[in-house]
Amino acid sequence: LFPGQGSQYHGMFEKLAASFPPTAAALSFANTCLRDLGYPTFAELAGSQTTGLGSDVWQTQVSMLIADYLALQTIRSLGIE
């Protein structure tokens, strides 16, 4: 369920967050945390228009951490623990 580096792709979770409110809420929370820490948003790290995903280790690892969080919050919203 929680894949690591190598499974990333540009734009991951964009469509789901745009159409599924629980994922959008989790993304909003993650972006708030990232901004509060002085980091780029998830879209800036892993969005369709990014360039460093897959080649920059920090960018890729943080993106995968947030993607795993989004996956967890999405399945929890469906009642799966």
PDB file of N, CA and C in Angstrom:
ATOM      1  N   LEU A   1       0.814  -1.189   0.000  1.00  0.00           N
ATOM      2  CA  LEU A   1       0.000   0.000   0.000  1.00  0.00           C
ATOM      3  C   LEU A   1       0.860   1.256   0.000  1.00  0.00           C
ATOM      4  N   PHE A   2       2.007   1.219   0.660  1.00  0.00           N
ATOM      5  CA  PHE A   2       2.839   2.405   0.781  1.00  0.00           C
ATOM      6  C   PHE A   2       4.153   2.197   0.033  1.00  0.00           C
ATOM      7  N   PRO A   3       4.119   2.394  -1.274  1.00  0.00           N
ATOM      8  CA  PRO A   3       5.332   2.194  -2.064  1.00  0.00           C
ATOM      9  C   PRO A   3       6.365   3.279  -1.791  1.00  0.00           C
ATOM     10  N   GLY A   4       7.579   2.995  -2.138  1.00  0.00           N
ATOM     11  CA  GLY A   4       8.654   3.946  -1.901  1.00  0.00           C
ATOM     12  C   GLY A   4       9.140   4.588  -3.186  1.00  0.00           C
ATOM     13  N   GLN A   5      10.347   5.144  -3.084  1.00  0.00           N
ATOM     14  CA  GLN A   5      10.948   5.829  -4.224  1.00  0.00           C
ATOM     15  C   GLN A   5      11.035   4.863  -5.397  1.00  0.00           C
ATOM     16  N   GLY A   6      10.690   5.356  -6.548  1.00  0.00           N
ATOM     17  CA  GLY A   6      10.653   4.549  -7.757  1.00  0.00           C
ATOM     18  C   GLY A   6       9.231   4.395  -8.271  1.00  0.00           C
ATOM     19  N   SER A   7       8.256   4.597  -7.379  1.00  0.00           N
ATOM     20  CA  SER A   7       6.859   4.496  -7.788  1.00  0.00           C
ATOM     21  C   SER A   7       6.230   5.867  -7.989  1.00  0.00           C
ATOM     22  N   GLN A   8       7.011   6.918  -7.820  1.00  0.00           N
ATOM     23  CA  GLN A   8       6.487   8.275  -7.962  1.00  0.00           C
ATOM     24  C   GLN A   8       6.214   8.602  -9.433  1.00  0.00           C
ATOM     25  N   TYR A   9       5.294   9.543  -9.618  1.00  0.00           N
ATOM     26  CA  TYR A   9       5.048  10.060 -10.968  1.00  0.00           C
ATOM     27  C   TYR A   9       4.501  11.475 -10.838  1.00  0.00           C
ATOM     28  N   HIS A  10       4.742  12.266 -11.847  1.00  0.00           N
ATOM     29  CA  HIS A  10       4.277  13.648 -11.841  1.00  0.00           C
ATOM     30  C   HIS A  10       2.750  13.685 -11.834  1.00  0.00           C
ATOM     31  N   GLY A  11       2.215  14.499 -10.956  1.00  0.00           N
ATOM     32  CA  GLY A  11       0.771  14.665 -10.890  1.00  0.00           C
ATOM     33  C   GLY A  11       0.059  13.638 -10.030  1.00  0.00           C
ATOM     34  N   MET A  12       0.813  12.843  -9.252  1.00  0.00           N
ATOM     35  CA  MET A  12       0.149  11.830  -8.435  1.00  0.00           C
ATOM     36  C   MET A  12      -0.810  12.489  -7.445  1.00  0.00           C
ATOM     37  N   PHE A  13      -1.965  11.913  -7.306  1.00  0.00           N
ATOM     38  CA  PHE A  13      -3.061  12.337  -6.427  1.00  0.00           C
ATOM     39  C   PHE A  13      -3.781  13.603  -6.899  1.00  0.00           C
ATOM     40  N   GLU A  14      -3.382  14.202  -8.004  1.00  0.00           N
ATOM     41  CA  GLU A  14      -4.069  15.413  -8.477  1.00  0.00           C
ATOM     42  C   GLU A  14      -5.538  15.141  -8.799  1.00  0.00           C
ATOM     43  N   LYS A  15      -5.799  14.113  -9.594  1.00  0.00           N
ATOM     44  CA  LYS A  15      -7.179  13.827 -10.009  1.00  0.00           C
ATOM     45  C   LYS A  15      -8.028  13.388  -8.817  1.00  0.00           C
ATOM     46  N   LEU A  16      -7.455  12.567  -7.941  1.00  0.00           N
ATOM     47  CA  LEU A  16      -8.218  12.108  -6.785  1.00  0.00           C
ATOM     48  C   LEU A  16      -8.551  13.267  -5.851  1.00  0.00           C
ATOM     49  N   ALA A  17      -7.588  14.140  -5.592  1.00  0.00           N
ATOM     50  CA  ALA A  17      -7.830  15.292  -4.714  1.00  0.00           C
ATOM     51  C   ALA A  17      -8.843  16.251  -5.329  1.00  0.00           C
ATOM     52  N   ALA A  18      -8.883  16.320  -6.648  1.00  0.00           N
ATOM     53  CA  ALA A  18      -9.835  17.213  -7.319  1.00  0.00           C
ATOM     54  C   ALA A  18     -11.266  16.682  -7.269  1.00  0.00           C
ATOM     55  N   SER A  19     -11.410  15.376  -7.076  1.00  0.00           N
ATOM     56  CA  SER A  19     -12.753  14.796  -7.147  1.00  0.00           C
ATOM     57  C   SER A  19     -13.227  14.123  -5.860  1.00  0.00           C
ATOM     58  N   PHE A  20     -12.361  13.986  -4.861  1.00  0.00           N
ATOM     59  CA  PHE A  20     -12.736  13.278  -3.633  1.00  0.00           C
ATOM     60  C   PHE A  20     -12.404  14.157  -2.433  1.00  0.00           C
ATOM     61  N   PRO A  21     -13.417  14.745  -1.803  1.00  0.00           N
ATOM     62  CA  PRO A  21     -13.188  15.705  -0.717  1.00  0.00           C
ATOM     63  C   PRO A  21     -12.286  15.234   0.427  1.00  0.00           C
ATOM     64  N   PRO A  22     -12.362  13.972   0.886  1.00  0.00           N
ATOM     65  CA  PRO A  22     -11.451  13.581   1.958  1.00  0.00           C
ATOM     66  C   PRO A  22      -9.975  13.651   1.557  1.00  0.00           C
ATOM     67  N   THR A  23      -9.684  13.323   0.321  1.00  0.00           N
ATOM     68  CA  THR A  23      -8.302  13.434  -0.156  1.00  0.00           C
ATOM     69  C   THR A  23      -7.910  14.895  -0.276  1.00  0.00           C
ATOM     70  N   ALA A  24      -8.818  15.721  -0.753  1.00  0.00           N
ATOM     71  CA  ALA A  24      -8.549  17.161  -0.846  1.00  0.00           C
ATOM     72  C   ALA A  24      -8.275  17.752   0.532  1.00  0.00           C
ATOM     73  N   ALA A  25      -9.018  17.320   1.543  1.00  0.00           N
ATOM     74  CA  ALA A  25      -8.807  17.817   2.905  1.00  0.00           C
ATOM     75  C   ALA A  25      -7.448  17.386   3.437  1.00  0.00           C
ATOM     76  N   ALA A  26      -7.068  16.143   3.182  1.00  0.00           N
ATOM     77  CA  ALA A  26      -5.756  15.654   3.628  1.00  0.00           C
ATOM     78  C   ALA A  26      -4.644  16.417   2.919  1.00  0.00           C
ATOM     79  N   LEU A  27      -4.835  16.684   1.645  1.00  0.00           N
ATOM     80  CA  LEU A  27      -3.840  17.443   0.886  1.00  0.00           C
ATOM     81  C   LEU A  27      -3.715  18.861   1.424  1.00  0.00           C
ATOM     82  N   SER A  28      -4.822  19.473   1.743  1.00  0.00           N
ATOM     83  CA  SER A  28      -4.798  20.819   2.309  1.00  0.00           C
ATOM     84  C   SER A  28      -4.029  20.841   3.629  1.00  0.00           C
ATOM     85  N   PHE A  29      -4.277  19.858   4.486  1.00  0.00           N
ATOM     86  CA  PHE A  29      -3.562  19.768   5.758  1.00  0.00           C
ATOM     87  C   PHE A  29      -2.066  19.563   5.522  1.00  0.00           C
ATOM     88  N   ALA A  30      -1.717  18.667   4.614  1.00  0.00           N
ATOM     89  CA  ALA A  30      -0.307  18.407   4.312  1.00  0.00           C
ATOM     90  C   ALA A  30       0.372  19.665   3.781  1.00  0.00           C
ATOM     91  N   ASN A  31      -0.303  20.381   2.898  1.00  0.00           N
ATOM     92  CA  ASN A  31       0.276  21.614   2.354  1.00  0.00           C
ATOM     93  C   ASN A  31       0.470  22.668   3.438  1.00  0.00           C
ATOM     94  N   THR A  32      -0.472  22.763   4.367  1.00  0.00           N
ATOM     95  CA  THR A  32      -0.322  23.700   5.479  1.00  0.00           C
ATOM     96  C   THR A  32       0.906  23.352   6.306  1.00  0.00           C
ATOM     97  N   CYS A  33       1.075  22.082   6.604  1.00  0.00           N
ATOM     98  CA  CYS A  33       2.248  21.641   7.370  1.00  0.00           C
ATOM     99  C   CYS A  33       3.538  21.932   6.613  1.00  0.00           C
ATOM    100  N   LEU A  34       3.552  21.631   5.331  1.00  0.00           N
ATOM    101  CA  LEU A  34       4.746  21.895   4.518  1.00  0.00           C
ATOM    102  C   LEU A  34       5.085  23.381   4.516  1.00  0.00           C
ATOM    103  N   ARG A  35       4.089  24.223   4.279  1.00  0.00           N
ATOM    104  CA  ARG A  35       4.322  25.678   4.248  1.00  0.00           C
ATOM    105  C   ARG A  35       4.799  26.188   5.607  1.00  0.00           C
ATOM    106  N   ASP A  36       4.184  25.678   6.693  1.00  0.00           N
ATOM    107  CA  ASP A  36       4.587  26.103   8.037  1.00  0.00           C
ATOM    108  C   ASP A  36       6.046  25.768   8.323  1.00  0.00           C
ATOM    109  N   LEU A  37       6.541  24.718   7.696  1.00  0.00           N
ATOM    110  CA  LEU A  37       7.939  24.309   7.870  1.00  0.00           C
ATOM    111  C   LEU A  37       8.874  24.964   6.854  1.00  0.00           C
ATOM    112  N   GLY A  38       8.301  25.777   5.966  1.00  0.00           N
ATOM    113  CA  GLY A  38       9.107  26.470   4.972  1.00  0.00           C
ATOM    114  C   GLY A  38       9.414  25.653   3.732  1.00  0.00           C
ATOM    115  N   TYR A  39       8.624  24.602   3.499  1.00  0.00           N
ATOM    116  CA  TYR A  39       8.852  23.741   2.347  1.00  0.00           C
ATOM    117  C   TYR A  39       7.838  24.034   1.247  1.00  0.00           C
ATOM    118  N   PRO A  40       8.130  23.588   0.030  1.00  0.00           N
ATOM    119  CA  PRO A  40       7.165  23.751  -1.070  1.00  0.00           C
ATOM    120  C   PRO A  40       5.921  22.893  -0.828  1.00  0.00           C
ATOM    121  N   THR A  41       4.836  23.241  -1.499  1.00  0.00           N
ATOM    122  CA  THR A  41       3.609  22.442  -1.417  1.00  0.00           C
ATOM    123  C   THR A  41       3.792  21.125  -2.170  1.00  0.00           C
ATOM    124  N   PHE A  42       2.842  20.227  -1.967  1.00  0.00           N
ATOM    125  CA  PHE A  42       2.893  18.943  -2.664  1.00  0.00           C
ATOM    126  C   PHE A  42       2.848  19.143  -4.173  1.00  0.00           C
ATOM    127  N   ALA A  43       2.044  20.083  -4.640  1.00  0.00           N
ATOM    128  CA  ALA A  43       1.971  20.357  -6.086  1.00  0.00           C
ATOM    129  C   ALA A  43       3.313  20.856  -6.609  1.00  0.00           C
ATOM    130  N   GLU A  44       4.003  21.657  -5.813  1.00  0.00           N
ATOM    131  CA  GLU A  44       5.321  22.150  -6.224  1.00  0.00           C
ATOM    132  C   GLU A  44       6.364  21.039  -6.204  1.00  0.00           C
ATOM    133  N   LEU A  45       6.164  20.035  -5.371  1.00  0.00           N
ATOM    134  CA  LEU A  45       7.097  18.917  -5.284  1.00  0.00           C
ATOM    135  C   LEU A  45       6.808  17.830  -6.312  1.00  0.00           C
ATOM    136  N   ALA A  46       5.518  17.511  -6.487  1.00  0.00           N
ATOM    137  CA  ALA A  46       5.167  16.335  -7.280  1.00  0.00           C
ATOM    138  C   ALA A  46       4.093  16.600  -8.327  1.00  0.00           C
ATOM    139  N   GLY A  47       3.765  17.835  -8.561  1.00  0.00           N
ATOM    140  CA  GLY A  47       2.714  18.153  -9.520  1.00  0.00           C
ATOM    141  C   GLY A  47       3.099  17.876 -10.960  1.00  0.00           C
ATOM    142  N   SER A  48       2.137  18.036 -11.820  1.00  0.00           N
ATOM    143  CA  SER A  48       2.332  17.764 -13.243  1.00  0.00           C
ATOM    144  C   SER A  48       3.455  18.581 -13.866  1.00  0.00           C
ATOM    145  N   GLN A  49       3.707  19.763 -13.329  1.00  0.00           N
ATOM    146  CA  GLN A  49       4.680  20.672 -13.932  1.00  0.00           C
ATOM    147  C   GLN A  49       6.060  20.660 -13.250  1.00  0.00           C
ATOM    148  N   THR A  50       6.290  19.751 -12.313  1.00  0.00           N
ATOM    149  CA  THR A  50       7.566  19.730 -11.602  1.00  0.00           C
ATOM    150  C   THR A  50       8.664  19.108 -12.450  1.00  0.00           C
ATOM    151  N   THR A  51       9.902  19.398 -12.072  1.00  0.00           N
ATOM    152  CA  THR A  51      11.014  18.866 -12.848  1.00  0.00           C
ATOM    153  C   THR A  51      11.943  17.955 -12.053  1.00  0.00           C
ATOM    154  N   GLY A  52      12.026  18.104 -10.730  1.00  0.00           N
ATOM    155  CA  GLY A  52      12.999  17.356  -9.950  1.00  0.00           C
ATOM    156  C   GLY A  52      12.540  16.001  -9.453  1.00  0.00           C
ATOM    157  N   LEU A  53      11.258  15.698  -9.597  1.00  0.00           N
ATOM    158  CA  LEU A  53      10.742  14.448  -9.071  1.00  0.00           C
ATOM    159  C   LEU A  53      11.415  13.263  -9.757  1.00  0.00           C
ATOM    160  N   GLY A  54      12.005  12.400  -8.955  1.00  0.00           N
ATOM    161  CA  GLY A  54      12.705  11.232  -9.488  1.00  0.00           C
ATOM    162  C   GLY A  54      14.193  11.443  -9.628  1.00  0.00           C
ATOM    163  N   SER A  55      14.629  12.691  -9.740  1.00  0.00           N
ATOM    164  CA  SER A  55      16.069  12.950  -9.849  1.00  0.00           C
ATOM    165  C   SER A  55      16.632  13.620  -8.605  1.00  0.00           C
ATOM    166  N   ASP A  56      15.799  14.345  -7.879  1.00  0.00           N
ATOM    167  CA  ASP A  56      16.206  14.971  -6.630  1.00  0.00           C
ATOM    168  C   ASP A  56      15.704  14.081  -5.491  1.00  0.00           C
ATOM    169  N   VAL A  57      16.646  13.499  -4.730  1.00  0.00           N
ATOM    170  CA  VAL A  57      16.278  12.525  -3.701  1.00  0.00           C
ATOM    171  C   VAL A  57      15.375  13.143  -2.641  1.00  0.00           C
ATOM    172  N   TRP A  58      15.711  14.337  -2.132  1.00  0.00           N
ATOM    173  CA  TRP A  58      14.900  14.966  -1.100  1.00  0.00           C
ATOM    174  C   TRP A  58      13.482  15.203  -1.611  1.00  0.00           C
ATOM    175  N   GLN A  59      13.373  15.791  -2.788  1.00  0.00           N
ATOM    176  CA  GLN A  59      12.061  16.092  -3.367  1.00  0.00           C
ATOM    177  C   GLN A  59      11.241  14.815  -3.540  1.00  0.00           C
ATOM    178  N   THR A  60      11.881  13.772  -4.005  1.00  0.00           N
ATOM    179  CA  THR A  60      11.182  12.515  -4.246  1.00  0.00           C
ATOM    180  C   THR A  60      10.749  11.860  -2.940  1.00  0.00           C
ATOM    181  N   GLN A  61      11.634  11.836  -1.942  1.00  0.00           N
ATOM    182  CA  GLN A  61      11.295  11.204  -0.665  1.00  0.00           C
ATOM    183  C   GLN A  61      10.172  11.944   0.050  1.00  0.00           C
ATOM    184  N   VAL A  62      10.230  13.264   0.080  1.00  0.00           N
ATOM    185  CA  VAL A  62       9.158  14.040   0.719  1.00  0.00           C
ATOM    186  C   VAL A  62       7.855  13.839  -0.041  1.00  0.00           C
ATOM    187  N   SER A  63       7.915  13.804  -1.354  1.00  0.00           N
ATOM    188  CA  SER A  63       6.717  13.574  -2.166  1.00  0.00           C
ATOM    189  C   SER A  63       6.096  12.223  -1.850  1.00  0.00           C
ATOM    190  N   MET A  64       6.918  11.197  -1.701  1.00  0.00           N
ATOM    191  CA  MET A  64       6.396   9.871  -1.393  1.00  0.00           C
ATOM    192  C   MET A  64       5.816   9.819   0.018  1.00  0.00           C
ATOM    193  N   LEU A  65       6.426  10.522   0.964  1.00  0.00           N
ATOM    194  CA  LEU A  65       5.871  10.586   2.316  1.00  0.00           C
ATOM    195  C   LEU A  65       4.475  11.203   2.291  1.00  0.00           C
ATOM    196  N   ILE A  66       4.337  12.311   1.579  1.00  0.00           N
ATOM    197  CA  ILE A  66       3.029  12.968   1.491  1.00  0.00           C
ATOM    198  C   ILE A  66       2.041  12.088   0.725  1.00  0.00           C
ATOM    199  N   ALA A  67       2.482  11.449  -0.338  1.00  0.00           N
ATOM    200  CA  ALA A  67       1.597  10.550  -1.099  1.00  0.00           C
ATOM    201  C   ALA A  67       1.113   9.406  -0.213  1.00  0.00           C
ATOM    202  N   ASP A  68       1.991   8.845   0.608  1.00  0.00           N
ATOM    203  CA  ASP A  68       1.590   7.779   1.521  1.00  0.00           C
ATOM    204  C   ASP A  68       0.571   8.297   2.542  1.00  0.00           C
ATOM    205  N   TYR A  69       0.783   9.505   3.034  1.00  0.00           N
ATOM    206  CA  TYR A  69      -0.173  10.114   3.961  1.00  0.00           C
ATOM    207  C   TYR A  69      -1.534  10.297   3.282  1.00  0.00           C
ATOM    208  N   LEU A  70      -1.527  10.769   2.052  1.00  0.00           N
ATOM    209  CA  LEU A  70      -2.777  10.953   1.314  1.00  0.00           C
ATOM    210  C   LEU A  70      -3.490   9.616   1.107  1.00  0.00           C
ATOM    211  N   ALA A  71      -2.734   8.578   0.784  1.00  0.00           N
ATOM    212  CA  ALA A  71      -3.329   7.251   0.609  1.00  0.00           C
ATOM    213  C   ALA A  71      -3.952   6.770   1.913  1.00  0.00           C
ATOM    214  N   LEU A  72      -3.239   6.932   3.026  1.00  0.00           N
ATOM    215  CA  LEU A  72      -3.751   6.511   4.327  1.00  0.00           C
ATOM    216  C   LEU A  72      -5.031   7.252   4.690  1.00  0.00           C
ATOM    217  N   GLN A  73      -5.026   8.564   4.543  1.00  0.00           N
ATOM    218  CA  GLN A  73      -6.206   9.344   4.899  1.00  0.00           C
ATOM    219  C   GLN A  73      -7.384   9.027   3.976  1.00  0.00           C
ATOM    220  N   THR A  74      -7.100   8.737   2.725  1.00  0.00           N
ATOM    221  CA  THR A  74      -8.161   8.385   1.781  1.00  0.00           C
ATOM    222  C   THR A  74      -8.817   7.072   2.172  1.00  0.00           C
ATOM    223  N   ILE A  75      -8.027   6.051   2.470  1.00  0.00           N
ATOM    224  CA  ILE A  75      -8.645   4.765   2.821  1.00  0.00           C
ATOM    225  C   ILE A  75      -9.326   4.844   4.189  1.00  0.00           C
ATOM    226  N   ARG A  76      -8.770   5.634   5.090  1.00  0.00           N
ATOM    227  CA  ARG A  76      -9.439   5.813   6.393  1.00  0.00           C
ATOM    228  C   ARG A  76     -10.806   6.477   6.217  1.00  0.00           C
ATOM    229  N   SER A  77     -10.911   7.399   5.270  1.00  0.00           N
ATOM    230  CA  SER A  77     -12.194   8.075   5.044  1.00  0.00           C
ATOM    231  C   SER A  77     -13.252   7.113   4.534  1.00  0.00           C
ATOM    232  N   LEU A  78     -12.811   5.983   4.017  1.00  0.00           N
ATOM    233  CA  LEU A  78     -13.731   4.958   3.520  1.00  0.00           C
ATOM    234  C   LEU A  78     -14.045   3.913   4.587  1.00  0.00           C
ATOM    235  N   GLY A  79     -13.540   4.144   5.806  1.00  0.00           N
ATOM    236  CA  GLY A  79     -13.809   3.230   6.905  1.00  0.00           C
ATOM    237  C   GLY A  79     -12.851   2.068   7.008  1.00  0.00           C
ATOM    238  N   ILE A  80     -11.756   2.117   6.281  1.00  0.00           N
ATOM    239  CA  ILE A  80     -10.771   1.036   6.304  1.00  0.00           C
ATOM    240  C   ILE A  80      -9.659   1.421   7.268  1.00  0.00           C
ATOM    241  N   GLU A  81      -9.399   0.556   8.218  1.00  0.00           N
ATOM    242  CA  GLU A  81      -8.315   0.801   9.191  1.00  0.00           C
ATOM    243  C   GLU A  81      -7.268  -0.286   9.063  1.00  0.00           C
TER     244      GLU A  81
END
